[in-house]
Amino acid sequence: MSNSRAGATRHGAFCCFLLTAAAVLPLQAAKAGDAAYPSEVDAVYRLSFNGFNVGKYRFNSHYDGKSYTANGKTDISALFGAFKWAGNFIGSGSVETSGGPRPASFEMSTKTKSKTTSVKLSFDGTRVVSVALVPNKSPSAEAVKLKPENLQNVFDPMGATLAISNANAADACNRTIPVFDGKARYDLRLSLKGREPLKEKQPSGQPPELVVCQVKYVPIAGHKPKDFVNPWIDYDHIEIALRAVPAAGIYVPYRVTVPSSIGPAVMTIDTINITAANNQQIALKQ
């Protein structure tokens, strides 16, 4: 493989990883009882790689008091158009009074200049009951075999948008999120790194501070162990900077950073428009 094609392949894997990490926390509910989930969230994020703008990620979620739907869409162009990557993500489920979100379905489709893939998951209660992949290839003999218990009590990438349903200022960065994306089962382990003051161009009335979580990506099954021996992605030092929005009872990711040996991939908020449960309109802009 030529250096340019190898670079494009690495960029593709990196983009997919960044958006999965980002999709895991596009919306995080505040502590249960403090406020109901917002009825609508519309967000646009800027994507950059090694300091260069490469695209945007658009996210929308809707909650009707019992169930949620969440959609994500991205278009990425890098290497002066030599590499292009597009992704669509759709998730749905219910929100339990005591147990938080419960995924029902998930769909993801991705497209490059030469390849199209898709994933469909369905859930029954707390477990994944069906997985449909296109192309439907047998797992590599080198991959860690998925076990039935790996598909229990997990969130799909979009269902995990509501996974931290009991977050508050004390534990927003003190939790582990189990995720299954159709091929790989992994944990995202959050720990508190610190806090940052935030300057707003347009005052929103919300606390001008970011809570910065360090995130460790922990492979459980479905992966090739060799891919995590001296990897080019720094799986131990991903960062998600969250911003509390008390008026809506949520934390939203302000910035997601995934470091690597060839430069950082960063997703940064552009605009977020929130319709709170009481119909209050809240706008956050960078």
Protein backbone atom coordinates (compact mmCIF):
# COMPACT_ATOMS: atom_id res chain seq x y z
CA MET A 1 0.00 0.00 0.00
CA SER A 2 1.34 3.43 -0.91
CA ASN A 3 1.97 6.04 1.77
CA SER A 4 -0.96 8.13 0.53
CA ARG A 5 -3.38 5.20 0.62
CA ALA A 6 -2.08 4.08 4.00
CA GLY A 7 -2.57 7.61 5.29
CA ALA A 8 -6.11 7.71 3.95
CA THR A 9 -6.90 4.38 5.59
CA ARG A 10 -5.56 5.61 8.91
CA HIS A 11 -7.58 8.82 8.55
CA GLY A 12 -10.70 6.74 7.89
CA ALA A 13 -10.20 4.66 11.00
CA PHE A 14 -9.47 7.80 12.96
CA CYS A 15 -12.63 9.59 11.75
CA CYS A 16 -14.76 6.58 12.59
CA PHE A 17 -13.23 6.34 16.05
CA LEU A 18 -13.62 10.07 16.75
CA LEU A 19 -17.29 10.12 15.78
CA THR A 20 -18.01 7.02 17.83
CA ALA A 21 -16.40 8.63 20.85
CA ALA A 22 -18.24 11.84 20.17
CA ALA A 23 -21.55 10.14 19.61
CA VAL A 24 -21.29 8.39 22.91
CA LEU A 25 -21.83 11.64 24.81
CA PRO A 26 -23.72 14.12 22.64
CA LEU A 27 -26.37 14.49 25.33
CA GLN A 28 -26.02 13.65 28.98
CA ALA A 29 -28.87 14.10 31.39
CA ALA A 30 -28.40 15.78 34.72
CA LYS A 31 -29.22 13.97 37.94
CA ALA A 32 -32.64 12.34 37.81
CA GLY A 33 -35.26 14.52 39.42
CA ASP A 34 -33.36 17.78 38.86
CA ALA A 35 -34.95 18.33 35.44
CA ALA A 36 -36.64 16.28 32.74
CA TYR A 37 -34.84 15.43 29.52
CA PRO A 38 -35.01 18.25 26.94
CA SER A 39 -37.63 17.70 24.28
CA GLU A 40 -35.29 18.75 21.48
CA VAL A 41 -31.55 19.25 20.96
CA ASP A 42 -29.99 20.44 17.70
CA ALA A 43 -26.23 20.73 17.55
CA VAL A 44 -23.52 21.44 14.99
CA TYR A 45 -19.86 20.66 15.69
CA ARG A 46 -16.73 21.55 13.77
CA LEU A 47 -14.30 18.71 13.03
CA SER A 48 -10.58 19.30 12.66
CA PHE A 49 -7.57 17.08 12.19
CA ASN A 50 -4.06 18.29 13.02
CA GLY A 51 -5.32 21.87 13.04
CA PHE A 52 -7.13 21.71 9.68
CA ASN A 53 -10.91 21.87 9.32
CA VAL A 54 -12.17 18.64 7.77
CA GLY A 55 -15.95 18.74 8.19
CA LYS A 56 -18.95 19.03 10.47
CA TYR A 57 -21.02 16.75 12.67
CA ARG A 58 -24.75 17.45 13.04
CA PHE A 59 -26.76 15.98 15.87
CA ASN A 60 -30.45 16.01 16.74
CA SER A 61 -32.37 14.32 19.54
CA HIS A 62 -36.06 14.28 20.40
CA TYR A 63 -37.74 13.10 23.60
CA ASP A 64 -41.54 12.83 23.97
CA GLY A 65 -41.66 12.01 27.68
CA LYS A 66 -41.27 8.25 27.25
CA SER A 67 -39.06 7.50 24.27
CA TYR A 68 -36.17 9.13 22.44
CA THR A 69 -34.80 9.27 18.93
CA ALA A 70 -31.31 10.51 18.11
CA ASN A 71 -29.72 11.21 14.73
CA GLY A 72 -26.18 12.10 13.71
CA LYS A 73 -24.76 12.99 10.32
CA THR A 74 -21.25 13.87 9.23
CA ASP A 75 -19.33 14.63 6.07
CA ILE A 76 -15.54 14.72 6.18
CA SER A 77 -13.07 15.70 3.49
CA ALA A 78 -9.31 15.61 4.06
CA LEU A 79 -6.05 15.49 2.15
CA PHE A 80 -7.42 18.11 -0.30
CA GLY A 81 -10.36 15.88 -1.14
CA ALA A 82 -8.34 12.70 -1.60
CA PHE A 83 -10.08 11.23 1.43
CA LYS A 84 -13.83 11.53 1.95
CA TRP A 85 -15.93 9.92 4.64
CA ALA A 86 -19.66 10.25 5.33
CA GLY A 87 -21.60 8.73 8.19
CA ASN A 88 -25.22 8.55 9.33
CA PHE A 89 -26.29 7.36 12.79
CA ILE A 90 -29.82 6.68 14.07
CA GLY A 91 -30.83 5.40 17.48
CA SER A 92 -34.09 5.02 19.38
CA GLY A 93 -35.32 3.66 22.68
CA SER A 94 -37.17 4.38 25.89
CA VAL A 95 -36.23 6.20 29.06
CA GLU A 96 -36.92 4.26 32.22
CA THR A 97 -37.98 6.17 35.33
CA SER A 98 -35.30 4.58 37.51
CA GLY A 99 -32.87 2.96 35.11
CA GLY A 100 -32.27 5.69 32.55
CA PRO A 101 -32.23 5.04 28.79
CA ARG A 102 -32.93 1.64 27.28
CA PRO A 103 -31.94 1.29 23.59
CA ALA A 104 -34.33 -0.38 21.15
CA SER A 105 -32.56 0.02 17.81
CA PHE A 106 -29.48 1.46 16.17
CA GLU A 107 -28.41 1.98 12.56
CA MET A 108 -25.14 3.29 11.19
CA SER A 109 -24.03 3.66 7.59
CA THR A 110 -20.67 4.92 6.34
CA LYS A 111 -19.35 5.69 2.91
CA THR A 112 -15.95 6.44 1.42
CA LYS A 113 -14.98 6.78 -2.23
CA SER A 114 -14.51 3.02 -2.48
CA LYS A 115 -16.55 1.41 0.28
CA THR A 116 -20.03 1.46 1.84
CA THR A 117 -20.82 -0.24 5.15
CA SER A 118 -23.81 -0.48 7.45
CA VAL A 119 -24.68 -1.78 10.90
CA LYS A 120 -28.13 -2.51 12.33
CA LEU A 121 -28.75 -3.53 15.94
CA SER A 122 -31.94 -4.38 17.78
CA PHE A 123 -32.46 -4.85 21.51
CA ASP A 124 -34.86 -6.80 23.67
CA GLY A 125 -34.81 -5.44 27.17
CA THR A 126 -31.20 -5.13 28.25
CA ARG A 127 -29.59 -7.28 25.57
CA VAL A 128 -28.72 -7.13 21.89
CA VAL A 129 -30.80 -9.70 20.01
CA SER A 130 -29.84 -9.10 16.39
CA VAL A 131 -26.87 -7.75 14.48
CA ALA A 132 -26.86 -7.14 10.71
CA LEU A 133 -23.63 -6.06 9.00
CA VAL A 134 -22.96 -5.06 5.40
CA PRO A 135 -20.63 -6.42 4.17
CA ASN A 136 -21.33 -9.49 6.27
CA LYS A 137 -17.83 -10.85 6.79
CA SER A 138 -16.87 -13.51 9.30
CA PRO A 139 -14.86 -12.15 12.23
CA SER A 140 -11.11 -12.35 11.87
CA ALA A 141 -9.53 -15.40 13.48
CA GLU A 142 -7.28 -12.94 15.33
CA ALA A 143 -10.20 -11.08 16.93
CA VAL A 144 -11.21 -11.65 20.54
CA LYS A 145 -14.42 -13.66 20.32
CA LEU A 146 -17.64 -11.97 21.42
CA LYS A 147 -19.44 -13.84 24.18
CA PRO A 148 -23.18 -13.70 25.00
CA GLU A 149 -22.44 -11.71 28.16
CA ASN A 150 -20.70 -9.07 26.04
CA LEU A 151 -24.10 -8.20 24.55
CA GLN A 152 -25.85 -7.74 27.89
CA ASN A 153 -26.40 -4.33 29.51
CA VAL A 154 -24.69 -2.34 26.76
CA PHE A 155 -25.48 0.80 24.84
CA ASP A 156 -25.19 1.39 21.13
CA PRO A 157 -23.22 4.54 20.21
CA MET A 158 -26.34 6.70 19.90
CA GLY A 159 -28.23 5.12 22.79
CA ALA A 160 -25.27 5.96 24.97
CA THR A 161 -26.05 9.63 24.37
CA LEU A 162 -28.41 9.31 27.31
CA ALA A 163 -26.41 6.74 29.26
CA ILE A 164 -25.17 9.08 31.95
CA SER A 165 -28.68 9.77 33.18
CA ASN A 166 -27.71 10.49 36.78
CA ALA A 167 -24.76 12.80 36.17
CA ASN A 168 -24.13 15.69 38.49
CA ALA A 169 -21.21 18.01 39.20
CA ALA A 170 -19.63 15.47 41.55
CA ASP A 171 -19.62 12.43 39.25
CA ALA A 172 -20.02 13.62 35.65
CA CYS A 173 -16.49 12.32 34.99
CA ASN A 174 -16.60 9.34 37.31
CA ARG A 175 -18.25 6.52 35.40
CA THR A 176 -17.82 3.75 32.85
CA ILE A 177 -19.99 3.43 29.74
CA PRO A 178 -20.27 -0.04 28.14
CA VAL A 179 -20.70 0.19 24.36
CA PHE A 180 -21.30 -2.29 21.54
CA ASP A 181 -21.12 -0.85 18.02
CA GLY A 182 -22.06 -3.98 16.06
CA LYS A 183 -18.53 -5.35 15.84
CA ALA A 184 -16.62 -4.36 18.93
CA ARG A 185 -17.50 -4.32 22.61
CA TYR A 186 -15.58 -1.72 24.61
CA ASP A 187 -15.76 0.44 27.71
CA LEU A 188 -15.27 4.18 27.90
CA ARG A 189 -13.88 4.91 31.35
CA LEU A 190 -14.22 8.52 32.41
CA SER A 191 -12.21 10.22 35.14
CA LEU A 192 -11.96 13.85 36.14
CA LYS A 193 -9.02 15.73 34.65
CA GLY A 194 -9.95 19.26 35.67
CA ARG A 195 -12.04 22.32 34.94
CA GLU A 196 -11.66 25.19 32.48
CA PRO A 197 -13.17 28.68 32.49
CA LEU A 198 -15.14 29.47 29.37
CA LYS A 199 -15.49 32.82 27.61
CA GLU A 200 -18.75 33.32 25.73
CA LYS A 201 -19.16 35.64 22.77
CA GLN A 202 -22.87 35.75 23.51
CA PRO A 203 -23.87 35.21 27.16
CA SER A 204 -26.22 32.23 27.49
CA GLY A 205 -27.00 32.51 31.18
CA GLN A 206 -25.44 29.09 31.80
CA PRO A 207 -22.31 28.49 33.95
CA PRO A 208 -19.23 29.53 31.91
CA GLU A 209 -17.14 26.50 32.85
CA LEU A 210 -16.12 23.20 31.31
CA VAL A 211 -15.68 19.94 33.19
CA VAL A 212 -12.88 18.04 31.44
CA CYS A 213 -13.04 14.25 31.54
CA GLN A 214 -10.14 12.03 30.60
CA VAL A 215 -11.48 9.00 28.74
CA LYS A 216 -9.78 5.65 28.43
CA TYR A 217 -10.93 3.38 25.61
CA VAL A 218 -10.83 -0.19 26.93
CA PRO A 219 -11.33 -2.98 24.34
CA ILE A 220 -13.34 -5.93 25.65
CA ALA A 221 -14.11 -8.15 22.64
CA GLY A 222 -14.42 -8.11 18.87
CA HIS A 223 -11.05 -6.38 18.44
CA LYS A 224 -7.65 -7.62 17.32
CA PRO A 225 -5.19 -7.46 20.23
CA LYS A 226 -2.34 -6.53 17.88
CA ASP A 227 -4.16 -3.30 17.03
CA PHE A 228 -3.61 -2.16 20.61
CA VAL A 229 0.11 -2.87 20.72
CA ASN A 230 1.82 0.49 20.22
CA PRO A 231 -1.31 1.93 18.53
CA TRP A 232 -1.16 5.19 16.61
CA ILE A 233 -4.27 6.40 18.47
CA ASP A 234 -3.64 7.28 22.12
CA TYR A 235 -6.53 5.32 23.63
CA ASP A 236 -5.63 6.32 27.19
CA HIS A 237 -5.83 10.11 26.85
CA ILE A 238 -9.00 10.95 24.97
CA GLU A 239 -10.67 14.05 26.40
CA ILE A 240 -14.30 15.11 26.54
CA ALA A 241 -14.98 18.60 27.88
CA LEU A 242 -18.55 18.85 29.14
CA ARG A 243 -20.59 21.96 29.73
CA ALA A 244 -23.39 21.96 32.27
CA VAL A 245 -26.68 23.50 31.13
CA PRO A 246 -28.73 23.59 34.35
CA ALA A 247 -31.69 25.31 32.67
CA ALA A 248 -32.15 22.18 30.56
CA GLY A 249 -30.88 19.67 33.11
CA ILE A 250 -28.13 18.32 30.86
CA TYR A 251 -24.42 18.23 30.22
CA VAL A 252 -23.37 18.69 26.60
CA PRO A 253 -19.94 17.93 25.13
CA TYR A 254 -18.23 21.16 24.23
CA ARG A 255 -15.06 19.58 22.89
CA VAL A 256 -13.84 16.05 22.14
CA THR A 257 -10.12 15.45 21.54
CA VAL A 258 -8.57 12.19 20.34
CA PRO A 259 -4.73 12.36 20.28
CA SER A 260 -2.63 10.30 17.91
CA SER A 261 0.92 9.97 16.64
CA ILE A 262 -0.01 11.86 13.47
CA GLY A 263 -1.91 14.71 15.14
CA PRO A 264 -5.06 15.32 17.18
CA ALA A 265 -8.63 14.97 15.93
CA VAL A 266 -10.90 17.50 17.60
CA MET A 267 -14.65 18.04 17.59
CA THR A 268 -15.68 21.48 18.90
CA ILE A 269 -19.10 22.97 19.40
CA ASP A 270 -20.32 25.47 16.83
CA THR A 271 -23.94 25.91 17.92
CA ILE A 272 -26.40 24.05 20.13
CA ASN A 273 -30.09 24.93 20.36
CA ILE A 274 -32.01 23.26 23.18
CA THR A 275 -35.74 23.13 23.88
CA ALA A 276 -36.06 22.32 27.58
CA ALA A 277 -38.92 20.25 28.99
CA ASN A 278 -40.70 23.48 29.97
CA ASN A 279 -40.25 24.79 26.38
CA GLN A 280 -37.52 27.25 27.40
CA GLN A 281 -35.23 27.97 24.46
CA ILE A 282 -31.48 27.87 25.16
CA ALA A 283 -28.81 28.71 22.58
CA LEU A 284 -25.09 28.05 22.98
CA LYS A 285 -22.69 29.43 20.38
CA GLN A 286 -18.94 29.42 19.98
